[in-house]
C-alpha cells in the first residue's frame, strides 16, 4: 500500500528530520513551509507562510486513491516573542495564534474532508507547555493547550478511518531552543533553566525524537491514549 505524509514546518527541526526519515521509509512526502532544503524524487514542496490564513485556505492537498494510507503532521509552530503579554504587540499575538492553532485547525478540517475514504492518521506536535503556565509564553502555552483539546474533540467526533494523536516531544535541540536562550532574562524568569538544559546536554536530539514518532506511526493501533509524551518512550 502506498503511504503519503503531509507535514508542515519541513524547513528545519522536527519537520525536516521527520520528512527525511519518512522518505527513507518509502513514503511520498509533501512539505509545507517557508523554506526548503530537501531534495528527493518523492518530496513535493509547497512554499507557504502558515501564519497567513488566506494562504492556508488556498492549499490544495494532493488527490489520492482510496487505497492510499495518508498522514498529516501539524508540526509548524513558533514560540513567538518571549515577553509578558502587555509587552507583546497585537500583530505578534495574532500571528502566533494563526500559526500555532488556527492554521492546524483549518488543515485538520481540510485533511478529513479530502480523504474521507482513506485510512488516515492525524498527528499534532504538542508541548508540555500545554499543561504548564510559563511566564512570557502566553500565546505558546495557550495555543498548545488548545491544540491538545482540538485533537481530543476530533477523536470524540469519530471520523471514518481516522486515528489521532498529540505528541509532546519534550525539550528538543531545535532553533526554538536557540530563540529561548537568546531571550531577555529580565522578562523570562526560566531563562537560566533553559541555558542549563543546553549546557548540561539535557536536550533531546531531533533524530531521537523523529525515530520515536516513527515508532508511534508504525504502532498506532497499540495506544490507548491520544496525548503521548515522548519522555515515556525508551
C-alpha atoms as a PDB file:
ATOM      1  CA  UNK A   1       0.000   0.000   0.000  1.00  0.00           C
ATOM      2  CA  UNK A   2       1.300   3.456  -0.930  1.00  0.00           C
ATOM      3  CA  UNK A   3       1.859   5.728   2.079  1.00  0.00           C
ATOM      4  CA  UNK A   4       1.713   9.529   1.892  1.00  0.00           C
ATOM      5  CA  UNK A   5       2.725  12.098   4.516  1.00  0.00           C
ATOM      6  CA  UNK A   6       1.717  15.765   4.603  1.00  0.00           C
ATOM      7  CA  UNK A   7       3.956  17.684   7.024  1.00  0.00           C
ATOM      8  CA  UNK A   8       4.013  21.356   7.981  1.00  0.00           C
ATOM      9  CA  UNK A   9       7.202  23.115   9.004  1.00  0.00           C
ATOM     10  CA  UNK A  10       9.593  20.985   6.947  1.00  0.00           C
ATOM     11  CA  UNK A  11      12.106  23.817   6.599  1.00  0.00           C
ATOM     12  CA  UNK A  12      14.009  22.839   9.750  1.00  0.00           C
ATOM     13  CA  UNK A  13      13.937  20.947  13.020  1.00  0.00           C
ATOM     14  CA  UNK A  14      11.484  18.132  13.681  1.00  0.00           C
ATOM     15  CA  UNK A  15       9.517  18.704  10.478  1.00  0.00           C
ATOM     16  CA  UNK A  16      12.565  18.497   8.240  1.00  0.00           C
ATOM     17  CA  UNK A  17      14.006  15.452  10.034  1.00  0.00           C
ATOM     18  CA  UNK A  18      10.665  13.627  10.045  1.00  0.00           C
ATOM     19  CA  UNK A  19      10.184  14.288   6.319  1.00  0.00           C
ATOM     20  CA  UNK A  20      13.618  12.838   5.545  1.00  0.00           C
ATOM     21  CA  UNK A  21      13.013   9.813   7.764  1.00  0.00           C
ATOM     22  CA  UNK A  22       9.657   9.055   6.155  1.00  0.00           C
ATOM     23  CA  UNK A  23      11.225   9.400   2.701  1.00  0.00           C
ATOM     24  CA  UNK A  24      13.716   6.724   3.721  1.00  0.00           C
ATOM     25  CA  UNK A  25      10.707   4.593   4.703  1.00  0.00           C
ATOM     26  CA  UNK A  26       9.338   4.865   1.123  1.00  0.00           C
ATOM     27  CA  UNK A  27       6.653   7.473   1.846  1.00  0.00           C
ATOM     28  CA  UNK A  28       5.650  10.114  -0.646  1.00  0.00           C
ATOM     29  CA  UNK A  29       6.099  13.315   1.355  1.00  0.00           C
ATOM     30  CA  UNK A  30       4.510  16.729   0.819  1.00  0.00           C
ATOM     31  CA  UNK A  31       6.118  19.540   2.805  1.00  0.00           C
ATOM     32  CA  UNK A  32       4.596  22.920   3.635  1.00  0.00           C
ATOM     33  CA  UNK A  33       6.883  25.673   4.961  1.00  0.00           C
ATOM     34  CA  UNK A  34       8.547  28.980   4.109  1.00  0.00           C
ATOM     35  CA  UNK A  35      11.911  27.413   3.236  1.00  0.00           C
ATOM     36  CA  UNK A  36      13.177  24.088   1.926  1.00  0.00           C
ATOM     37  CA  UNK A  37      16.467  22.189   1.859  1.00  0.00           C
ATOM     38  CA  UNK A  38      15.122  18.727   0.978  1.00  0.00           C
ATOM     39  CA  UNK A  39      15.790  17.382  -2.485  1.00  0.00           C
ATOM     40  CA  UNK A  40      14.269  13.982  -3.168  1.00  0.00           C
ATOM     41  CA  UNK A  41      12.285  12.463  -6.013  1.00  0.00           C
ATOM     42  CA  UNK A  42       9.437  11.617  -3.651  1.00  0.00           C
ATOM     43  CA  UNK A  43       9.305  15.013  -1.925  1.00  0.00           C
ATOM     44  CA  UNK A  44       6.989  17.803  -3.076  1.00  0.00           C
ATOM     45  CA  UNK A  45       7.483  21.227  -1.529  1.00  0.00           C
ATOM     46  CA  UNK A  46       4.884  23.982  -1.200  1.00  0.00           C
ATOM     47  CA  UNK A  47       6.272  27.362  -0.164  1.00  0.00           C
ATOM     48  CA  UNK A  48       3.825  28.919   2.273  1.00  0.00           C
ATOM     49  CA  UNK A  49       3.611  31.195   5.280  1.00  0.00           C
ATOM     50  CA  UNK A  50       1.355  29.171   7.572  1.00  0.00           C
ATOM     51  CA  UNK A  51       0.582  32.236   9.687  1.00  0.00           C
ATOM     52  CA  UNK A  52      -1.161  33.728   6.628  1.00  0.00           C
ATOM     53  CA  UNK A  53      -4.634  32.224   6.816  1.00  0.00           C
ATOM     54  CA  UNK A  54      -5.535  33.221   3.269  1.00  0.00           C
ATOM     55  CA  UNK A  55      -2.582  31.171   2.022  1.00  0.00           C
ATOM     56  CA  UNK A  56      -3.604  28.257   4.232  1.00  0.00           C
ATOM     57  CA  UNK A  57      -7.141  28.314   2.879  1.00  0.00           C
ATOM     58  CA  UNK A  58      -5.776  28.108  -0.672  1.00  0.00           C
ATOM     59  CA  UNK A  59      -3.806  24.892  -0.017  1.00  0.00           C
ATOM     60  CA  UNK A  60      -4.839  22.037  -2.304  1.00  0.00           C
ATOM     61  CA  UNK A  61      -3.960  18.664  -0.847  1.00  0.00           C
ATOM     62  CA  UNK A  62      -2.940  16.040  -3.442  1.00  0.00           C
ATOM     63  CA  UNK A  63      -5.616  13.768  -4.849  1.00  0.00           C
ATOM     64  CA  UNK A  64      -5.031  10.189  -3.738  1.00  0.00           C
ATOM     65  CA  UNK A  65      -6.527   6.807  -4.446  1.00  0.00           C
ATOM     66  CA  UNK A  66      -8.791   5.481  -1.697  1.00  0.00           C
ATOM     67  CA  UNK A  67      -6.294   2.660  -1.134  1.00  0.00           C
ATOM     68  CA  UNK A  68      -3.577   5.132  -0.094  1.00  0.00           C
ATOM     69  CA  UNK A  69      -2.771   5.476   3.597  1.00  0.00           C
ATOM     70  CA  UNK A  70      -2.257   9.140   4.443  1.00  0.00           C
ATOM     71  CA  UNK A  71      -0.721  11.026   7.371  1.00  0.00           C
ATOM     72  CA  UNK A  72      -0.957  14.704   8.341  1.00  0.00           C
ATOM     73  CA  UNK A  73       1.555  16.100  10.842  1.00  0.00           C
ATOM     74  CA  UNK A  74       0.729  19.589  12.093  1.00  0.00           C
ATOM     75  CA  UNK A  75       4.261  20.437  13.188  1.00  0.00           C
ATOM     76  CA  UNK A  76       4.846  24.106  12.320  1.00  0.00           C
ATOM     77  CA  UNK A  77       4.793  26.395  15.354  1.00  0.00           C
ATOM     78  CA  UNK A  78       6.502  29.386  16.904  1.00  0.00           C
ATOM     79  CA  UNK A  79       7.465  30.226  20.470  1.00  0.00           C
ATOM     80  CA  UNK A  80       6.735  33.819  19.485  1.00  0.00           C
ATOM     81  CA  UNK A  81       8.097  36.863  21.250  1.00  0.00           C
ATOM     82  CA  UNK A  82       9.131  35.833  24.764  1.00  0.00           C
ATOM     83  CA  UNK A  83       7.592  38.730  26.648  1.00  0.00           C
ATOM     84  CA  UNK A  84       4.831  39.399  29.180  1.00  0.00           C
ATOM     85  CA  UNK A  85       1.525  39.790  27.379  1.00  0.00           C
ATOM     86  CA  UNK A  86       1.359  43.561  27.968  1.00  0.00           C
ATOM     87  CA  UNK A  87       4.649  43.956  26.091  1.00  0.00           C
ATOM     88  CA  UNK A  88       3.666  41.854  23.072  1.00  0.00           C
ATOM     89  CA  UNK A  89       2.276  43.656  20.035  1.00  0.00           C
ATOM     90  CA  UNK A  90      -1.180  42.858  18.704  1.00  0.00           C
ATOM     91  CA  UNK A  91       0.419  41.819  15.411  1.00  0.00           C
ATOM     92  CA  UNK A  92       2.681  39.328  17.209  1.00  0.00           C
ATOM     93  CA  UNK A  93      -0.225  37.833  19.158  1.00  0.00           C
ATOM     94  CA  UNK A  94      -2.363  37.423  16.037  1.00  0.00           C
ATOM     95  CA  UNK A  95       0.469  35.857  14.023  1.00  0.00           C
ATOM     96  CA  UNK A  96       1.352  33.406  16.795  1.00  0.00           C
ATOM     97  CA  UNK A  97      -2.261  32.278  17.205  1.00  0.00           C
ATOM     98  CA  UNK A  98      -2.678  31.974  13.435  1.00  0.00           C
ATOM     99  CA  UNK A  99       0.345  29.705  13.064  1.00  0.00           C
ATOM    100  CA  UNK A 100       0.020  27.631  16.224  1.00  0.00           C
ATOM    101  CA  UNK A 101      -3.704  26.848  16.387  1.00  0.00           C
ATOM    102  CA  UNK A 102      -5.872  28.371  13.634  1.00  0.00           C
ATOM    103  CA  UNK A 103      -3.744  27.002  10.788  1.00  0.00           C
ATOM    104  CA  UNK A 104      -3.645  23.429  12.224  1.00  0.00           C
ATOM    105  CA  UNK A 105      -7.410  23.567  12.768  1.00  0.00           C
ATOM    106  CA  UNK A 106      -8.040  24.569   9.152  1.00  0.00           C
ATOM    107  CA  UNK A 107      -5.625  21.925   7.867  1.00  0.00           C
ATOM    108  CA  UNK A 108      -7.212  19.219  10.019  1.00  0.00           C
ATOM    109  CA  UNK A 109     -10.623  20.036   8.566  1.00  0.00           C
ATOM    110  CA  UNK A 110      -9.209  20.063   5.040  1.00  0.00           C
ATOM    111  CA  UNK A 111      -7.459  16.714   5.660  1.00  0.00           C
ATOM    112  CA  UNK A 112     -10.564  14.956   6.978  1.00  0.00           C
ATOM    113  CA  UNK A 113     -12.696  16.210   4.097  1.00  0.00           C
ATOM    114  CA  UNK A 114     -10.119  15.500   1.384  1.00  0.00           C
ATOM    115  CA  UNK A 115      -9.504  11.901   2.439  1.00  0.00           C
ATOM    116  CA  UNK A 116     -12.883  10.745   3.724  1.00  0.00           C
ATOM    117  CA  UNK A 117     -12.432   7.220   2.336  1.00  0.00           C
ATOM    118  CA  UNK A 118      -8.716   6.784   3.112  1.00  0.00           C
ATOM    119  CA  UNK A 119      -7.090   5.230   6.162  1.00  0.00           C
ATOM    120  CA  UNK A 120      -5.625   8.301   7.798  1.00  0.00           C
ATOM    121  CA  UNK A 121      -3.606   9.417  10.794  1.00  0.00           C
ATOM    122  CA  UNK A 122      -3.562  12.970  12.160  1.00  0.00           C
ATOM    123  CA  UNK A 123      -0.708  13.973  14.458  1.00  0.00           C
ATOM    124  CA  UNK A 124      -0.327  17.321  16.168  1.00  0.00           C
ATOM    125  CA  UNK A 125       3.092  18.146  17.597  1.00  0.00           C
ATOM    126  CA  UNK A 126       2.161  19.475  21.007  1.00  0.00           C
ATOM    127  CA  UNK A 127       4.165  20.505  24.044  1.00  0.00           C
ATOM    128  CA  UNK A 128       4.358  20.055  27.777  1.00  0.00           C
ATOM    129  CA  UNK A 129       3.714  23.809  27.840  1.00  0.00           C
ATOM    130  CA  UNK A 130       0.079  22.908  27.189  1.00  0.00           C
ATOM    131  CA  UNK A 131      -0.141  21.884  30.844  1.00  0.00           C
ATOM    132  CA  UNK A 132       2.125  24.484  32.479  1.00  0.00           C
ATOM    133  CA  UNK A 133       1.646  28.248  32.744  1.00  0.00           C
ATOM    134  CA  UNK A 134       5.058  29.673  31.839  1.00  0.00           C
ATOM    135  CA  UNK A 135       5.693  33.386  32.292  1.00  0.00           C
ATOM    136  CA  UNK A 136       6.207  35.233  28.951  1.00  0.00           C
ATOM    137  CA  UNK A 137       4.953  32.229  26.936  1.00  0.00           C
ATOM    138  CA  UNK A 138       1.293  33.281  26.943  1.00  0.00           C
ATOM    139  CA  UNK A 139       0.497  32.541  23.297  1.00  0.00           C
ATOM    140  CA  UNK A 140       2.623  29.387  23.138  1.00  0.00           C
ATOM    141  CA  UNK A 141       1.113  27.802  26.253  1.00  0.00           C
ATOM    142  CA  UNK A 142      -2.423  28.792  25.278  1.00  0.00           C
ATOM    143  CA  UNK A 143      -2.182  27.553  21.694  1.00  0.00           C
ATOM    144  CA  UNK A 144      -0.510  24.265  22.637  1.00  0.00           C
ATOM    145  CA  UNK A 145      -3.268  23.672  25.192  1.00  0.00           C
ATOM    146  CA  UNK A 146      -5.855  24.400  22.501  1.00  0.00           C
ATOM    147  CA  UNK A 147      -4.075  22.038  20.107  1.00  0.00           C
ATOM    148  CA  UNK A 148      -4.398  19.180  22.616  1.00  0.00           C
ATOM    149  CA  UNK A 149      -8.092  19.888  23.113  1.00  0.00           C
ATOM    150  CA  UNK A 150      -8.615  20.080  19.353  1.00  0.00           C
ATOM    151  CA  UNK A 151      -7.231  16.583  18.862  1.00  0.00           C
ATOM    152  CA  UNK A 152      -9.372  15.212  21.703  1.00  0.00           C
ATOM    153  CA  UNK A 153     -12.531  16.734  20.246  1.00  0.00           C
ATOM    154  CA  UNK A 154     -11.719  15.352  16.789  1.00  0.00           C
ATOM    155  CA  UNK A 155     -11.309  11.921  18.397  1.00  0.00           C
ATOM    156  CA  UNK A 156     -14.711  12.264  20.059  1.00  0.00           C
ATOM    157  CA  UNK A 157     -16.289  13.005  16.674  1.00  0.00           C
ATOM    158  CA  UNK A 158     -15.229   9.550  15.435  1.00  0.00           C
ATOM    159  CA  UNK A 159     -14.451  10.398  11.826  1.00  0.00           C
ATOM    160  CA  UNK A 160     -14.302   7.499   9.386  1.00  0.00           C
ATOM    161  CA  UNK A 161     -10.936   5.661   9.199  1.00  0.00           C
ATOM    162  CA  UNK A 162      -9.189   8.307  11.321  1.00  0.00           C
ATOM    163  CA  UNK A 163      -6.754   7.976  14.215  1.00  0.00           C
ATOM    164  CA  UNK A 164      -5.353  10.986  16.046  1.00  0.00           C
ATOM    165  CA  UNK A 165      -2.504  11.770  18.431  1.00  0.00           C
ATOM    166  CA  UNK A 166      -0.969  14.792  20.079  1.00  0.00           C
ATOM    167  CA  UNK A 167       2.721  14.135  20.652  1.00  0.00           C
ATOM    168  CA  UNK A 168       4.712  16.074  23.255  1.00  0.00           C
ATOM    169  CA  UNK A 169       8.377  15.725  22.205  1.00  0.00           C
ATOM    170  CA  UNK A 170       9.962  17.225  25.311  1.00  0.00           C
ATOM    171  CA  UNK A 171      12.816  19.745  25.296  1.00  0.00           C
ATOM    172  CA  UNK A 172      14.406  19.276  21.868  1.00  0.00           C
ATOM    173  CA  UNK A 173      17.577  20.762  20.404  1.00  0.00           C
ATOM    174  CA  UNK A 174      15.961  22.904  17.694  1.00  0.00           C
ATOM    175  CA  UNK A 175      16.003  26.535  16.556  1.00  0.00           C
ATOM    176  CA  UNK A 176      13.198  27.213  19.032  1.00  0.00           C
ATOM    177  CA  UNK A 177      15.579  26.430  21.888  1.00  0.00           C
ATOM    178  CA  UNK A 178      18.078  28.886  20.415  1.00  0.00           C
ATOM    179  CA  UNK A 179      15.375  31.575  20.462  1.00  0.00           C
ATOM    180  CA  UNK A 180      14.602  30.754  24.092  1.00  0.00           C
ATOM    181  CA  UNK A 181      18.269  31.048  25.064  1.00  0.00           C
ATOM    182  CA  UNK A 182      18.504  34.422  23.300  1.00  0.00           C
ATOM    183  CA  UNK A 183      15.528  35.792  25.227  1.00  0.00           C
ATOM    184  CA  UNK A 184      15.883  38.541  27.818  1.00  0.00           C
ATOM    185  CA  UNK A 185      16.172  37.073  31.316  1.00  0.00           C
ATOM    186  CA  UNK A 186      14.552  40.247  32.673  1.00  0.00           C
ATOM    187  CA  UNK A 187      11.283  39.155  31.078  1.00  0.00           C
ATOM    188  CA  UNK A 188      11.740  35.378  31.186  1.00  0.00           C
ATOM    189  CA  UNK A 189      12.243  34.016  34.720  1.00  0.00           C
ATOM    190  CA  UNK A 190      13.091  30.493  33.477  1.00  0.00           C
ATOM    191  CA  UNK A 191      15.887  31.703  31.188  1.00  0.00           C
ATOM    192  CA  UNK A 192      18.690  30.154  33.261  1.00  0.00           C
ATOM    193  CA  UNK A 193      16.867  26.806  33.400  1.00  0.00           C
ATOM    194  CA  UNK A 194      16.898  26.585  29.612  1.00  0.00           C
ATOM    195  CA  UNK A 195      20.519  27.704  29.476  1.00  0.00           C
ATOM    196  CA  UNK A 196      21.297  24.830  31.850  1.00  0.00           C
ATOM    197  CA  UNK A 197      19.405  22.313  29.687  1.00  0.00           C
ATOM    198  CA  UNK A 198      21.789  23.191  26.865  1.00  0.00           C
ATOM    199  CA  UNK A 199      24.967  23.411  28.966  1.00  0.00           C
ATOM    200  CA  UNK A 200      24.247  20.076  30.660  1.00  0.00           C
ATOM    201  CA  UNK A 201      23.377  18.374  27.340  1.00  0.00           C
ATOM    202  CA  UNK A 202      19.865  17.575  28.551  1.00  0.00           C
ATOM    203  CA  UNK A 203      18.115  18.405  25.274  1.00  0.00           C
ATOM    204  CA  UNK A 204      16.649  15.580  23.213  1.00  0.00           C
ATOM    205  CA  UNK A 205      18.205  15.262  19.766  1.00  0.00           C
ATOM    206  CA  UNK A 206      15.923  15.814  16.792  1.00  0.00           C
ATOM    207  CA  UNK A 207      16.994  12.413  15.454  1.00  0.00           C
ATOM    208  CA  UNK A 208      15.847  10.580  18.583  1.00  0.00           C
ATOM    209  CA  UNK A 209      12.515  12.417  18.564  1.00  0.00           C
ATOM    210  CA  UNK A 210      11.626  11.611  14.971  1.00  0.00           C
ATOM    211  CA  UNK A 211      12.535   7.948  15.412  1.00  0.00           C
ATOM    212  CA  UNK A 212      10.109   7.808  18.343  1.00  0.00           C
ATOM    213  CA  UNK A 213       7.438   9.486  16.226  1.00  0.00           C
ATOM    214  CA  UNK A 214       8.043   6.855  13.550  1.00  0.00           C
ATOM    215  CA  UNK A 215       7.510   4.159  16.195  1.00  0.00           C
ATOM    216  CA  UNK A 216       4.162   5.706  17.080  1.00  0.00           C
ATOM    217  CA  UNK A 217       3.141   5.815  13.419  1.00  0.00           C
ATOM    218  CA  UNK A 218       4.133   2.186  12.940  1.00  0.00           C
ATOM    219  CA  UNK A 219       2.382   1.006  16.122  1.00  0.00           C
ATOM    220  CA  UNK A 220      -0.562   3.397  16.052  1.00  0.00           C
ATOM    221  CA  UNK A 221      -3.083   0.681  16.904  1.00  0.00           C
ATOM    222  CA  UNK A 222      -1.283  -0.204  20.147  1.00  0.00           C
ATOM    223  CA  UNK A 223      -2.018   3.013  22.051  1.00  0.00           C
ATOM    224  CA  UNK A 224      -4.946   3.678  24.358  1.00  0.00           C
ATOM    225  CA  UNK A 225      -4.030   7.318  24.967  1.00  0.00           C
ATOM    226  CA  UNK A 226      -4.364  10.179  22.485  1.00  0.00           C
ATOM    227  CA  UNK A 227      -1.834  12.527  24.097  1.00  0.00           C
ATOM    228  CA  UNK A 228       1.597  10.901  24.118  1.00  0.00           C
ATOM    229  CA  UNK A 229       4.689  12.198  25.898  1.00  0.00           C
ATOM    230  CA  UNK A 230       7.907  11.037  24.250  1.00  0.00           C
ATOM    231  CA  UNK A 231       9.669  11.042  27.613  1.00  0.00           C
ATOM    232  CA  UNK A 232       7.658   7.895  28.344  1.00  0.00           C
ATOM    233  CA  UNK A 233       9.261   6.087  25.375  1.00  0.00           C
ATOM    234  CA  UNK A 234      12.565   4.310  25.788  1.00  0.00           C
END
